[in-house]
Amino acid sequence: MALHSHPKWKKCLKSLADKVDDLYLRFDMRTGDMSILPQIEDYCKGKLRGLLKSDIVWNNHNWKEELLRMMDNTGADIVLFPDEDEEFEDGVEEDIKNFINGPYKELMFGFKTIIPKTRKRLPKRKGIVYPCSNHCKIFKWKPGLTYIPYPKRACLASYVGYPNLNARSKIIHWHFYPEYMYDKWSRRLYNQDKIDENEAVAKQRQALIDYMRKEK
C-alpha cells in the first residue's frame, strides 16, 4: 500500500493488515502528510516488513513499480494491493480461494463507493459512475513483474494477455469521503479538459496493449 494523506488511511491500513502475512508500504516524502510517518507502524499489527520513504514524482506506474521491487526476493504467493483509500469487503477470502486454484493471474474488483450522508448521488463522469471499471487489486506474484508500460485499471504490463478473474466481493472505496474530498475530486471529474486528456492517453495505452497481445 502507498500512503500519502487520505483521512481514512488508518482504517484502510488496519483492514489490510488483518488479511495479509506481511506488509510493504511506501510513503510519499515529496507531498505526503508528514504527520503520518511516526504513526504507521502502530496500525500494521506487527506485520510491517518494509517501509520505503520515496521522493520520486508521482505518475500512474512509478510508485507501484517501487513497491514491486521491494518484494522481488520475498517469495510471496499473492499480493493484495489496495490504495490508501480502499479496503476489501467481507467475502474477499472466498474470492482469493477461487483465484489461487484457477489459471488466472489477476483478480479484478468493482467498487462500493462511500459518500458523505449529505450527498445524494455517486460522483459521475460523462454520466457514468466513477470508478466505472474493475481494477486489479490482487495478483499472483513472481520476481520481475512490472507495470511498465502501464496498461490501465491498475493491471500489470507483465500479465497483459493472460486471463483474469472478476471478484464477487467489492472494494470499499473511500475516495470521495468526507465532504471536502467529495467536492475536491468531483470538480476534477467534471473538468472537461482533463477528461479529454485522460481519454487520449487511454487510447494510446489500448493501442500498446493490442500490440503486446499480438506479440505473445
N, C-alpha and C. Protein backbone atom coordinates (compact mmCIF):
# COMPACT_ATOMS: atom_id res chain seq x y z
N MET A 1 0.84 -1.19 0.00
CA MET A 1 0.00 0.00 0.00
C MET A 1 0.88 1.25 0.00
N ALA A 2 0.48 2.23 -0.77
CA ALA A 2 1.17 3.52 -0.79
C ALA A 2 0.38 4.51 0.06
N LEU A 3 1.07 5.22 0.94
CA LEU A 3 0.43 6.17 1.84
C LEU A 3 0.80 7.60 1.46
N HIS A 4 -0.19 8.48 1.60
CA HIS A 4 0.03 9.88 1.25
C HIS A 4 -0.62 10.81 2.27
N SER A 5 -1.96 10.87 2.27
CA SER A 5 -2.61 11.81 3.18
C SER A 5 -4.11 11.58 3.34
N HIS A 6 -4.65 10.51 2.78
CA HIS A 6 -6.10 10.35 2.81
C HIS A 6 -6.60 10.19 4.26
N PRO A 7 -7.71 10.85 4.63
CA PRO A 7 -8.19 10.82 6.01
C PRO A 7 -8.58 9.42 6.50
N LYS A 8 -8.79 8.47 5.62
CA LYS A 8 -9.17 7.11 6.02
C LYS A 8 -7.99 6.13 5.96
N TRP A 9 -6.76 6.61 5.88
CA TRP A 9 -5.61 5.71 5.70
C TRP A 9 -5.47 4.73 6.86
N LYS A 10 -5.74 5.17 8.08
CA LYS A 10 -5.58 4.28 9.25
C LYS A 10 -6.55 3.11 9.15
N LYS A 11 -7.80 3.40 8.86
CA LYS A 11 -8.81 2.36 8.73
C LYS A 11 -8.44 1.37 7.63
N CYS A 12 -7.98 1.88 6.50
CA CYS A 12 -7.66 1.02 5.36
C CYS A 12 -6.41 0.19 5.62
N LEU A 13 -5.41 0.76 6.28
CA LEU A 13 -4.20 0.02 6.59
C LEU A 13 -4.47 -1.09 7.61
N LYS A 14 -5.25 -0.79 8.63
CA LYS A 14 -5.61 -1.82 9.62
C LYS A 14 -6.40 -2.95 8.97
N SER A 15 -7.29 -2.61 8.07
CA SER A 15 -8.09 -3.60 7.37
C SER A 15 -7.19 -4.51 6.51
N LEU A 16 -6.22 -3.92 5.83
CA LEU A 16 -5.29 -4.72 5.02
C LEU A 16 -4.43 -5.62 5.91
N ALA A 17 -3.97 -5.10 7.05
CA ALA A 17 -3.13 -5.88 7.96
C ALA A 17 -3.84 -7.14 8.45
N ASP A 18 -5.16 -7.08 8.56
CA ASP A 18 -5.93 -8.25 9.00
C ASP A 18 -5.91 -9.38 7.97
N LYS A 19 -5.58 -9.07 6.72
CA LYS A 19 -5.76 -10.03 5.64
C LYS A 19 -4.45 -10.56 5.05
N VAL A 20 -3.32 -10.06 5.53
CA VAL A 20 -2.04 -10.46 4.93
C VAL A 20 -1.07 -10.95 6.01
N ASP A 21 -0.02 -11.64 5.55
CA ASP A 21 1.04 -12.09 6.45
C ASP A 21 2.12 -11.03 6.62
N ASP A 22 2.41 -10.30 5.54
CA ASP A 22 3.47 -9.30 5.55
C ASP A 22 2.99 -8.03 4.86
N LEU A 23 3.46 -6.90 5.35
CA LEU A 23 3.08 -5.60 4.79
C LEU A 23 4.30 -4.88 4.24
N TYR A 24 4.16 -4.34 3.02
CA TYR A 24 5.18 -3.50 2.41
C TYR A 24 4.51 -2.18 2.06
N LEU A 25 5.07 -1.08 2.54
CA LEU A 25 4.44 0.22 2.40
C LEU A 25 5.40 1.22 1.78
N ARG A 26 4.80 2.18 1.10
CA ARG A 26 5.54 3.30 0.53
C ARG A 26 4.92 4.60 1.03
N PHE A 27 5.76 5.55 1.41
CA PHE A 27 5.26 6.86 1.82
C PHE A 27 5.85 7.93 0.90
N ASP A 28 5.00 8.85 0.46
CA ASP A 28 5.40 9.92 -0.44
C ASP A 28 6.03 11.06 0.35
N MET A 29 7.37 11.16 0.30
CA MET A 29 8.09 12.18 1.05
C MET A 29 7.98 13.56 0.40
N ARG A 30 7.59 13.62 -0.86
CA ARG A 30 7.53 14.90 -1.56
C ARG A 30 6.28 15.69 -1.18
N THR A 31 5.12 15.02 -1.18
CA THR A 31 3.87 15.75 -0.98
C THR A 31 2.97 15.13 0.09
N GLY A 32 3.41 14.04 0.72
CA GLY A 32 2.58 13.37 1.72
C GLY A 32 2.50 14.14 3.04
N ASP A 33 1.54 13.76 3.85
CA ASP A 33 1.34 14.37 5.17
C ASP A 33 2.36 13.78 6.14
N MET A 34 3.35 14.57 6.53
CA MET A 34 4.46 14.07 7.35
C MET A 34 4.02 13.60 8.73
N SER A 35 2.85 14.04 9.18
CA SER A 35 2.38 13.59 10.50
C SER A 35 2.02 12.11 10.50
N ILE A 36 1.86 11.53 9.29
CA ILE A 36 1.54 10.11 9.18
C ILE A 36 2.72 9.23 9.55
N LEU A 37 3.93 9.65 9.18
CA LEU A 37 5.11 8.80 9.28
C LEU A 37 5.31 8.13 10.64
N PRO A 38 5.32 8.88 11.76
CA PRO A 38 5.56 8.22 13.05
C PRO A 38 4.42 7.33 13.53
N GLN A 39 3.27 7.37 12.84
CA GLN A 39 2.12 6.59 13.27
C GLN A 39 1.98 5.25 12.53
N ILE A 40 2.67 5.11 11.41
CA ILE A 40 2.40 4.00 10.51
C ILE A 40 2.51 2.64 11.18
N GLU A 41 3.59 2.40 11.88
CA GLU A 41 3.84 1.07 12.44
C GLU A 41 2.76 0.65 13.43
N ASP A 42 2.13 1.59 14.10
CA ASP A 42 1.09 1.29 15.08
C ASP A 42 -0.12 0.59 14.47
N TYR A 43 -0.32 0.74 13.16
CA TYR A 43 -1.50 0.19 12.51
C TYR A 43 -1.20 -1.05 11.66
N CYS A 44 0.04 -1.56 11.79
CA CYS A 44 0.46 -2.69 10.96
C CYS A 44 0.35 -4.04 11.68
N LYS A 45 0.00 -4.04 12.96
CA LYS A 45 -0.21 -5.26 13.73
C LYS A 45 1.00 -6.19 13.69
N GLY A 46 2.20 -5.60 13.74
CA GLY A 46 3.44 -6.37 13.78
C GLY A 46 3.82 -7.00 12.45
N LYS A 47 3.19 -6.60 11.35
CA LYS A 47 3.43 -7.26 10.06
C LYS A 47 4.24 -6.40 9.08
N LEU A 48 4.72 -5.25 9.51
CA LEU A 48 5.47 -4.38 8.62
C LEU A 48 6.84 -4.98 8.32
N ARG A 49 7.13 -5.24 7.04
CA ARG A 49 8.40 -5.82 6.62
C ARG A 49 9.25 -4.84 5.81
N GLY A 50 8.63 -3.77 5.35
CA GLY A 50 9.38 -2.78 4.59
C GLY A 50 8.61 -1.48 4.49
N LEU A 51 9.30 -0.36 4.69
CA LEU A 51 8.70 0.96 4.53
C LEU A 51 9.64 1.81 3.69
N LEU A 52 9.22 2.13 2.48
CA LEU A 52 10.01 2.92 1.56
C LEU A 52 9.59 4.39 1.66
N LYS A 53 10.54 5.25 1.99
CA LYS A 53 10.28 6.68 2.02
C LYS A 53 10.75 7.25 0.68
N SER A 54 9.81 7.50 -0.19
CA SER A 54 10.12 7.80 -1.58
C SER A 54 10.06 9.29 -1.90
N ASP A 55 10.96 9.72 -2.77
CA ASP A 55 10.94 11.12 -3.20
C ASP A 55 10.80 11.25 -4.71
N ILE A 56 10.30 10.21 -5.38
CA ILE A 56 10.10 10.30 -6.83
C ILE A 56 8.77 10.99 -7.14
N VAL A 57 8.68 11.56 -8.33
CA VAL A 57 7.47 12.24 -8.77
C VAL A 57 6.39 11.20 -9.08
N TRP A 58 5.16 11.48 -8.67
CA TRP A 58 4.06 10.54 -8.88
C TRP A 58 3.68 10.48 -10.35
N ASN A 59 3.40 9.25 -10.82
CA ASN A 59 2.66 9.05 -12.06
C ASN A 59 1.91 7.73 -11.94
N ASN A 60 1.30 7.26 -13.00
CA ASN A 60 0.44 6.08 -12.89
C ASN A 60 1.17 4.81 -12.50
N HIS A 61 2.48 4.74 -12.79
CA HIS A 61 3.15 3.47 -12.53
C HIS A 61 4.32 3.53 -11.56
N ASN A 62 5.01 4.67 -11.41
CA ASN A 62 6.30 4.59 -10.73
C ASN A 62 6.19 4.23 -9.25
N TRP A 63 5.14 4.67 -8.58
CA TRP A 63 5.01 4.29 -7.16
C TRP A 63 4.66 2.81 -7.03
N LYS A 64 3.87 2.28 -7.97
CA LYS A 64 3.59 0.85 -7.98
C LYS A 64 4.86 0.05 -8.24
N GLU A 65 5.66 0.56 -9.16
CA GLU A 65 6.90 -0.13 -9.52
C GLU A 65 7.86 -0.20 -8.33
N GLU A 66 7.95 0.87 -7.56
CA GLU A 66 8.81 0.86 -6.38
C GLU A 66 8.40 -0.22 -5.39
N LEU A 67 7.11 -0.37 -5.18
CA LEU A 67 6.63 -1.39 -4.26
C LEU A 67 6.91 -2.80 -4.79
N LEU A 68 6.77 -3.00 -6.10
CA LEU A 68 7.10 -4.30 -6.69
C LEU A 68 8.55 -4.67 -6.43
N ARG A 69 9.45 -3.72 -6.61
CA ARG A 69 10.88 -4.01 -6.45
C ARG A 69 11.22 -4.32 -4.99
N MET A 70 10.47 -3.80 -4.06
CA MET A 70 10.67 -4.13 -2.65
C MET A 70 10.42 -5.62 -2.39
N MET A 71 9.59 -6.23 -3.23
CA MET A 71 9.14 -7.60 -2.98
C MET A 71 9.86 -8.65 -3.81
N ASP A 72 10.84 -8.26 -4.61
CA ASP A 72 11.46 -9.18 -5.55
C ASP A 72 12.01 -10.45 -4.91
N ASN A 73 12.49 -10.37 -3.69
CA ASN A 73 13.12 -11.54 -3.06
C ASN A 73 12.32 -12.08 -1.87
N THR A 74 11.03 -11.83 -1.86
CA THR A 74 10.22 -12.22 -0.70
C THR A 74 9.65 -13.62 -0.80
N GLY A 75 9.50 -14.14 -2.02
CA GLY A 75 8.86 -15.45 -2.17
C GLY A 75 7.37 -15.40 -1.88
N ALA A 76 6.74 -14.28 -2.15
CA ALA A 76 5.30 -14.14 -1.89
C ALA A 76 4.49 -15.05 -2.81
N ASP A 77 3.29 -15.39 -2.39
CA ASP A 77 2.36 -16.18 -3.21
C ASP A 77 1.44 -15.27 -4.01
N ILE A 78 0.67 -14.48 -3.29
CA ILE A 78 -0.19 -13.49 -3.95
C ILE A 78 -0.03 -12.15 -3.23
N VAL A 79 -0.34 -11.10 -3.96
CA VAL A 79 -0.19 -9.74 -3.44
C VAL A 79 -1.56 -9.07 -3.41
N LEU A 80 -1.91 -8.50 -2.27
CA LEU A 80 -3.09 -7.65 -2.14
C LEU A 80 -2.60 -6.21 -2.22
N PHE A 81 -3.19 -5.42 -3.12
CA PHE A 81 -2.63 -4.11 -3.42
C PHE A 81 -3.70 -3.03 -3.50
N PRO A 82 -4.40 -2.76 -2.38
CA PRO A 82 -5.37 -1.66 -2.39
C PRO A 82 -4.67 -0.32 -2.22
N ASP A 83 -5.36 0.76 -2.56
CA ASP A 83 -4.85 2.10 -2.31
C ASP A 83 -5.14 2.49 -0.87
N GLU A 84 -4.61 3.66 -0.46
CA GLU A 84 -4.77 4.09 0.93
C GLU A 84 -6.21 4.50 1.26
N ASP A 85 -7.07 4.58 0.24
CA ASP A 85 -8.47 4.94 0.45
C ASP A 85 -9.39 3.76 0.12
N GLU A 86 -8.87 2.54 0.20
CA GLU A 86 -9.64 1.35 -0.19
C GLU A 86 -9.45 0.23 0.83
N GLU A 87 -10.50 -0.56 1.01
CA GLU A 87 -10.38 -1.78 1.81
C GLU A 87 -11.23 -2.88 1.19
N PHE A 88 -10.82 -4.12 1.42
CA PHE A 88 -11.54 -5.25 0.85
C PHE A 88 -12.81 -5.53 1.64
N GLU A 89 -13.87 -5.80 0.93
CA GLU A 89 -15.16 -6.14 1.52
C GLU A 89 -15.13 -7.56 2.07
N ASP A 90 -16.02 -7.86 3.05
CA ASP A 90 -16.19 -9.23 3.52
C ASP A 90 -16.53 -10.13 2.33
N GLY A 91 -15.95 -11.30 2.29
CA GLY A 91 -16.18 -12.21 1.18
C GLY A 91 -14.97 -12.32 0.28
N VAL A 92 -13.98 -11.43 0.46
CA VAL A 92 -12.79 -11.49 -0.38
C VAL A 92 -12.01 -12.78 -0.17
N GLU A 93 -12.13 -13.37 1.03
CA GLU A 93 -11.40 -14.62 1.30
C GLU A 93 -11.84 -15.73 0.35
N GLU A 94 -13.13 -15.81 0.08
CA GLU A 94 -13.63 -16.83 -0.85
C GLU A 94 -13.17 -16.53 -2.28
N ASP A 95 -13.15 -15.26 -2.63
CA ASP A 95 -12.63 -14.87 -3.95
C ASP A 95 -11.17 -15.27 -4.10
N ILE A 96 -10.39 -15.10 -3.05
CA ILE A 96 -8.97 -15.45 -3.10
C ILE A 96 -8.79 -16.95 -3.28
N LYS A 97 -9.60 -17.75 -2.60
CA LYS A 97 -9.52 -19.21 -2.76
C LYS A 97 -9.79 -19.61 -4.21
N ASN A 98 -10.82 -19.04 -4.81
CA ASN A 98 -11.13 -19.35 -6.21
C ASN A 98 -10.01 -18.89 -7.14
N PHE A 99 -9.42 -17.76 -6.81
CA PHE A 99 -8.35 -17.20 -7.62
C PHE A 99 -7.09 -18.06 -7.57
N ILE A 100 -6.71 -18.49 -6.39
CA ILE A 100 -5.48 -19.27 -6.23
C ILE A 100 -5.56 -20.58 -7.00
N ASN A 101 -6.72 -21.19 -7.00
CA ASN A 101 -6.87 -22.52 -7.61
C ASN A 101 -7.14 -22.48 -9.11
N GLY A 102 -7.21 -21.32 -9.68
CA GLY A 102 -7.51 -21.21 -11.11
C GLY A 102 -6.29 -20.79 -11.91
N PRO A 103 -6.46 -20.63 -13.23
CA PRO A 103 -5.35 -20.26 -14.12
C PRO A 103 -5.10 -18.75 -14.19
N TYR A 104 -5.80 -18.00 -13.38
CA TYR A 104 -5.81 -16.55 -13.51
C TYR A 104 -4.55 -15.91 -12.91
N LYS A 105 -4.20 -14.76 -13.44
CA LYS A 105 -3.04 -14.01 -12.95
C LYS A 105 -3.43 -12.81 -12.10
N GLU A 106 -4.59 -12.22 -12.41
CA GLU A 106 -5.02 -11.02 -11.70
C GLU A 106 -6.48 -11.15 -11.28
N LEU A 107 -6.79 -10.62 -10.09
CA LEU A 107 -8.15 -10.64 -9.56
C LEU A 107 -8.69 -9.21 -9.61
N MET A 108 -9.78 -9.03 -10.35
CA MET A 108 -10.32 -7.70 -10.64
C MET A 108 -11.52 -7.40 -9.73
N PHE A 109 -11.58 -6.16 -9.26
CA PHE A 109 -12.62 -5.76 -8.31
C PHE A 109 -13.40 -4.55 -8.79
N GLY A 110 -14.72 -4.60 -8.61
CA GLY A 110 -15.56 -3.43 -8.72
C GLY A 110 -15.54 -2.67 -7.41
N PHE A 111 -16.27 -1.56 -7.35
CA PHE A 111 -16.17 -0.65 -6.21
C PHE A 111 -17.52 -0.38 -5.55
N LYS A 112 -17.48 -0.29 -4.24
CA LYS A 112 -18.62 0.19 -3.47
C LYS A 112 -18.18 1.54 -2.89
N THR A 113 -18.58 2.62 -3.54
CA THR A 113 -18.09 3.95 -3.19
C THR A 113 -18.90 4.55 -2.05
N ILE A 114 -18.20 4.98 -1.02
CA ILE A 114 -18.84 5.60 0.15
C ILE A 114 -18.80 7.12 -0.02
N ILE A 115 -19.94 7.77 0.16
CA ILE A 115 -20.00 9.22 0.02
C ILE A 115 -20.61 9.82 1.30
N PRO A 116 -20.39 11.11 1.54
CA PRO A 116 -20.96 11.76 2.73
C PRO A 116 -22.48 11.64 2.77
N LYS A 117 -23.05 11.60 3.96
CA LYS A 117 -24.50 11.46 4.12
C LYS A 117 -25.27 12.63 3.52
N THR A 118 -24.60 13.77 3.40
CA THR A 118 -25.27 14.95 2.84
C THR A 118 -25.41 14.88 1.32
N ARG A 119 -24.73 13.92 0.69
CA ARG A 119 -24.76 13.82 -0.77
C ARG A 119 -25.75 12.75 -1.21
N LYS A 120 -26.42 13.01 -2.32
CA LYS A 120 -27.49 12.12 -2.77
C LYS A 120 -27.06 11.19 -3.90
N ARG A 121 -25.94 11.46 -4.53
CA ARG A 121 -25.57 10.64 -5.69
C ARG A 121 -24.08 10.35 -5.69
N LEU A 122 -23.71 9.26 -6.35
CA LEU A 122 -22.31 8.93 -6.54
C LEU A 122 -21.70 9.87 -7.58
N PRO A 123 -20.43 10.19 -7.45
CA PRO A 123 -19.78 11.04 -8.45
C PRO A 123 -19.79 10.38 -9.83
N LYS A 124 -20.07 11.19 -10.86
CA LYS A 124 -20.14 10.66 -12.22
C LYS A 124 -19.24 11.46 -13.15
N ARG A 125 -18.81 10.79 -14.21
CA ARG A 125 -18.07 11.44 -15.28
C ARG A 125 -18.75 11.08 -16.58
N LYS A 126 -19.23 12.10 -17.31
CA LYS A 126 -19.99 11.88 -18.53
C LYS A 126 -21.16 10.91 -18.30
N GLY A 127 -21.79 11.06 -17.16
CA GLY A 127 -22.96 10.25 -16.85
C GLY A 127 -22.66 8.87 -16.32
N ILE A 128 -21.39 8.52 -16.17
CA ILE A 128 -21.01 7.18 -15.70
C ILE A 128 -20.44 7.30 -14.29
N VAL A 129 -20.90 6.42 -13.41
CA VAL A 129 -20.43 6.44 -12.03
C VAL A 129 -18.94 6.12 -12.00
N TYR A 130 -18.18 6.89 -11.22
CA TYR A 130 -16.74 6.71 -11.10
C TYR A 130 -16.40 6.02 -9.78
N PRO A 131 -15.45 5.05 -9.78
CA PRO A 131 -14.77 4.46 -10.93
C PRO A 131 -15.69 3.48 -11.67
N CYS A 132 -15.62 3.50 -12.98
CA CYS A 132 -16.62 2.80 -13.79
C CYS A 132 -16.20 1.39 -14.18
N SER A 133 -14.94 1.00 -14.00
CA SER A 133 -14.47 -0.30 -14.46
C SER A 133 -13.73 -1.03 -13.34
N ASN A 134 -13.70 -2.35 -13.42
CA ASN A 134 -12.99 -3.15 -12.44
C ASN A 134 -11.48 -2.91 -12.51
N HIS A 135 -10.83 -2.93 -11.35
CA HIS A 135 -9.39 -2.73 -11.27
C HIS A 135 -8.73 -3.94 -10.61
N CYS A 136 -7.48 -4.18 -11.00
CA CYS A 136 -6.70 -5.26 -10.38
C CYS A 136 -6.24 -4.83 -8.99
N LYS A 137 -6.64 -5.59 -7.98
CA LYS A 137 -6.24 -5.30 -6.61
C LYS A 137 -5.55 -6.50 -5.94
N ILE A 138 -5.56 -7.65 -6.62
CA ILE A 138 -4.84 -8.83 -6.14
C ILE A 138 -4.22 -9.50 -7.35
N PHE A 139 -2.98 -9.95 -7.22
CA PHE A 139 -2.34 -10.64 -8.33
C PHE A 139 -1.38 -11.71 -7.82
N LYS A 140 -1.08 -12.67 -8.69
CA LYS A 140 -0.12 -13.72 -8.36
C LYS A 140 1.30 -13.19 -8.54
N TRP A 141 2.13 -13.55 -7.61
CA TRP A 141 3.47 -12.99 -7.56
C TRP A 141 4.49 -13.85 -8.29
N LYS A 142 5.45 -13.19 -8.93
CA LYS A 142 6.69 -13.80 -9.37
C LYS A 142 7.71 -12.68 -9.50
N PRO A 143 9.00 -12.98 -9.34
CA PRO A 143 10.01 -11.91 -9.44
C PRO A 143 10.02 -11.30 -10.84
N GLY A 144 10.31 -9.99 -10.89
CA GLY A 144 10.45 -9.31 -12.17
C GLY A 144 9.18 -8.77 -12.77
N LEU A 145 8.05 -8.87 -12.08
CA LEU A 145 6.82 -8.27 -12.59
C LEU A 145 7.02 -6.76 -12.78
N THR A 146 6.27 -6.19 -13.70
CA THR A 146 6.39 -4.75 -13.93
C THR A 146 5.05 -4.14 -14.36
N TYR A 147 4.91 -2.86 -14.05
CA TYR A 147 3.77 -2.08 -14.53
C TYR A 147 4.13 -1.26 -15.77
N ILE A 148 5.37 -1.33 -16.21
CA ILE A 148 5.85 -0.50 -17.31
C ILE A 148 5.89 -1.31 -18.61
N PRO A 149 5.27 -0.84 -19.70
CA PRO A 149 4.45 0.38 -19.79
C PRO A 149 3.08 0.14 -19.16
N TYR A 150 2.59 1.12 -18.41
CA TYR A 150 1.36 0.95 -17.65
C TYR A 150 0.16 0.77 -18.57
N PRO A 151 -0.58 -0.35 -18.47
CA PRO A 151 -1.75 -0.54 -19.33
C PRO A 151 -2.92 0.33 -18.86
N LYS A 152 -3.70 -0.17 -17.90
CA LYS A 152 -4.82 0.60 -17.32
C LYS A 152 -5.40 -0.24 -16.19
N ARG A 153 -6.29 0.36 -15.41
CA ARG A 153 -7.04 -0.32 -14.36
C ARG A 153 -6.14 -1.04 -13.35
N ALA A 154 -4.97 -0.46 -13.06
CA ALA A 154 -4.01 -0.99 -12.08
C ALA A 154 -3.49 -2.36 -12.45
N CYS A 155 -3.57 -2.72 -13.72
CA CYS A 155 -3.09 -4.03 -14.17
C CYS A 155 -1.58 -4.00 -14.42
N LEU A 156 -0.96 -5.17 -14.38
CA LEU A 156 0.46 -5.30 -14.63
C LEU A 156 0.74 -5.47 -16.12
N ALA A 157 1.75 -4.79 -16.61
CA ALA A 157 2.14 -4.97 -18.01
C ALA A 157 2.58 -6.41 -18.26
N SER A 158 3.18 -7.04 -17.24
CA SER A 158 3.66 -8.42 -17.38
C SER A 158 2.54 -9.41 -17.66
N TYR A 159 1.31 -9.06 -17.26
CA TYR A 159 0.19 -10.00 -17.38
C TYR A 159 -0.80 -9.63 -18.48
N VAL A 160 -0.43 -8.69 -19.34
CA VAL A 160 -1.30 -8.36 -20.47
C VAL A 160 -1.46 -9.60 -21.35
N GLY A 161 -2.70 -9.94 -21.66
CA GLY A 161 -2.98 -11.10 -22.49
C GLY A 161 -3.26 -12.37 -21.72
N TYR A 162 -2.99 -12.37 -20.41
CA TYR A 162 -3.30 -13.53 -19.57
C TYR A 162 -4.73 -13.41 -19.04
N PRO A 163 -5.36 -14.55 -18.67
CA PRO A 163 -6.73 -14.47 -18.15
C PRO A 163 -6.77 -13.87 -16.74
N ASN A 164 -7.81 -13.10 -16.46
CA ASN A 164 -8.01 -12.61 -15.10
C ASN A 164 -9.40 -13.01 -14.62
N LEU A 165 -9.65 -12.84 -13.34
CA LEU A 165 -10.91 -13.26 -12.72
C LEU A 165 -11.57 -12.05 -12.08
N ASN A 166 -12.89 -11.91 -12.25
CA ASN A 166 -13.65 -10.85 -11.59
C ASN A 166 -14.14 -11.35 -10.24
N ALA A 167 -13.83 -10.60 -9.19
CA ALA A 167 -14.24 -10.98 -7.84
C ALA A 167 -15.73 -10.73 -7.63
N ARG A 168 -16.33 -11.53 -6.76
CA ARG A 168 -17.72 -11.29 -6.38
C ARG A 168 -17.82 -10.19 -5.33
N SER A 169 -16.85 -10.15 -4.43
CA SER A 169 -16.82 -9.07 -3.44
C SER A 169 -16.31 -7.79 -4.10
N LYS A 170 -16.42 -6.68 -3.39
CA LYS A 170 -16.03 -5.40 -3.95
C LYS A 170 -14.99 -4.71 -3.07
N ILE A 171 -14.41 -3.67 -3.63
CA ILE A 171 -13.54 -2.77 -2.88
C ILE A 171 -14.40 -1.67 -2.27
N ILE A 172 -14.30 -1.49 -0.96
CA ILE A 172 -14.94 -0.35 -0.32
C ILE A 172 -14.06 0.87 -0.57
N HIS A 173 -14.63 1.85 -1.25
CA HIS A 173 -13.87 2.94 -1.84
C HIS A 173 -14.20 4.25 -1.11
N TRP A 174 -13.23 4.80 -0.37
CA TRP A 174 -13.45 5.99 0.45
C TRP A 174 -12.95 7.27 -0.23
N HIS A 175 -12.69 7.21 -1.52
CA HIS A 175 -12.03 8.29 -2.23
C HIS A 175 -12.78 9.63 -2.10
N PHE A 176 -14.10 9.58 -2.06
CA PHE A 176 -14.91 10.81 -2.06
C PHE A 176 -15.47 11.15 -0.67
N TYR A 177 -14.86 10.59 0.36
CA TYR A 177 -15.33 10.82 1.71
C TYR A 177 -14.17 11.37 2.53
N PRO A 178 -14.36 12.40 3.33
CA PRO A 178 -15.57 13.12 3.72
C PRO A 178 -15.97 14.20 2.72
N GLU A 179 -16.74 15.17 3.22
CA GLU A 179 -17.38 16.17 2.36
C GLU A 179 -16.37 16.93 1.49
N TYR A 180 -15.27 17.39 2.09
CA TYR A 180 -14.34 18.20 1.31
C TYR A 180 -13.65 17.37 0.24
N MET A 181 -13.50 16.05 0.48
CA MET A 181 -12.93 15.18 -0.55
C MET A 181 -13.90 15.01 -1.71
N TYR A 182 -15.17 14.90 -1.39
CA TYR A 182 -16.20 14.79 -2.43
C TYR A 182 -16.15 16.01 -3.34
N ASP A 183 -16.10 17.19 -2.74
CA ASP A 183 -16.08 18.42 -3.52
C ASP A 183 -14.81 18.52 -4.37
N LYS A 184 -13.67 18.21 -3.78
CA LYS A 184 -12.39 18.33 -4.47
C LYS A 184 -12.34 17.42 -5.69
N TRP A 185 -12.67 16.14 -5.52
CA TRP A 185 -12.49 15.18 -6.61
C TRP A 185 -13.64 15.23 -7.61
N SER A 186 -14.82 15.63 -7.16
CA SER A 186 -15.92 15.80 -8.11
C SER A 186 -15.60 16.91 -9.11
N ARG A 187 -15.02 18.00 -8.63
CA ARG A 187 -14.65 19.09 -9.53
C ARG A 187 -13.65 18.62 -10.58
N ARG A 188 -12.72 17.80 -10.17
CA ARG A 188 -11.73 17.28 -11.13
C ARG A 188 -12.39 16.37 -12.16
N LEU A 189 -13.35 15.57 -11.72
CA LEU A 189 -14.02 14.66 -12.65
C LEU A 189 -14.78 15.43 -13.72
N TYR A 190 -15.33 16.58 -13.35
CA TYR A 190 -16.14 17.35 -14.29
C TYR A 190 -15.32 18.31 -15.13
N ASN A 191 -14.00 18.30 -14.97
CA ASN A 191 -13.14 19.15 -15.76
C ASN A 191 -12.99 18.54 -17.15
N GLN A 192 -13.61 19.13 -18.15
CA GLN A 192 -13.67 18.54 -19.49
C GLN A 192 -12.29 18.38 -20.11
N ASP A 193 -11.40 19.37 -19.89
CA ASP A 193 -10.06 19.27 -20.46
C ASP A 193 -9.35 18.04 -19.91
N LYS A 194 -9.51 17.79 -18.62
CA LYS A 194 -8.86 16.63 -18.01
C LYS A 194 -9.46 15.34 -18.56
N ILE A 195 -10.77 15.32 -18.74
CA ILE A 195 -11.43 14.13 -19.30
C ILE A 195 -10.88 13.83 -20.69
N ASP A 196 -10.80 14.86 -21.54
CA ASP A 196 -10.29 14.67 -22.90
C ASP A 196 -8.85 14.17 -22.88
N GLU A 197 -8.05 14.73 -21.98
CA GLU A 197 -6.65 14.33 -21.87
C GLU A 197 -6.55 12.86 -21.46
N ASN A 198 -7.35 12.46 -20.47
CA ASN A 198 -7.33 11.07 -20.00
C ASN A 198 -7.76 10.11 -21.09
N GLU A 199 -8.76 10.50 -21.87
CA GLU A 199 -9.25 9.61 -22.92
C GLU A 199 -8.21 9.45 -24.03
N ALA A 200 -7.46 10.49 -24.31
CA ALA A 200 -6.40 10.38 -25.32
C ALA A 200 -5.31 9.43 -24.84
N VAL A 201 -4.93 9.55 -23.57
CA VAL A 201 -3.93 8.65 -23.00
C VAL A 201 -4.44 7.21 -23.01
N ALA A 202 -5.71 7.02 -22.69
CA ALA A 202 -6.30 5.68 -22.66
C ALA A 202 -6.23 5.03 -24.04
N LYS A 203 -6.47 5.79 -25.08
CA LYS A 203 -6.41 5.26 -26.44
C LYS A 203 -4.98 4.82 -26.79
N GLN A 204 -4.00 5.60 -26.36
CA GLN A 204 -2.61 5.25 -26.60
C GLN A 204 -2.25 3.95 -25.88
N ARG A 205 -2.70 3.83 -24.65
CA ARG A 205 -2.42 2.61 -23.88
C ARG A 205 -3.07 1.40 -24.52
N GLN A 206 -4.32 1.56 -24.98
CA GLN A 206 -5.01 0.44 -25.59
C GLN A 206 -4.30 -0.03 -26.85
N ALA A 207 -3.78 0.90 -27.62
CA ALA A 207 -3.03 0.53 -28.83
C ALA A 207 -1.79 -0.27 -28.46
N LEU A 208 -1.12 0.12 -27.36
CA LEU A 208 0.06 -0.61 -26.90
C LEU A 208 -0.31 -2.01 -26.42
N ILE A 209 -1.40 -2.12 -25.68
CA ILE A 209 -1.86 -3.42 -25.19
C ILE A 209 -2.18 -4.34 -26.36
N ASP A 210 -2.88 -3.83 -27.36
CA ASP A 210 -3.22 -4.64 -28.54
C ASP A 210 -1.96 -5.15 -29.23
N TYR A 211 -0.95 -4.29 -29.31
CA TYR A 211 0.31 -4.68 -29.94
C TYR A 211 0.99 -5.79 -29.13
N MET A 212 1.02 -5.65 -27.80
CA MET A 212 1.67 -6.64 -26.93
C MET A 212 0.97 -7.99 -27.03
N ARG A 213 -0.34 -7.98 -27.13
CA ARG A 213 -1.09 -9.24 -27.26
C ARG A 213 -0.74 -9.97 -28.57
N LYS A 214 -0.58 -9.20 -29.64
CA LYS A 214 -0.22 -9.79 -30.93
C LYS A 214 1.17 -10.41 -30.88
N GLU A 215 2.06 -9.81 -30.06
CA GLU A 215 3.43 -10.30 -30.00
C GLU A 215 3.57 -11.59 -29.19
N LYS A 216 2.56 -11.93 -28.35
CA LYS A 216 2.65 -13.12 -27.49
C LYS A 216 2.58 -14.38 -28.33
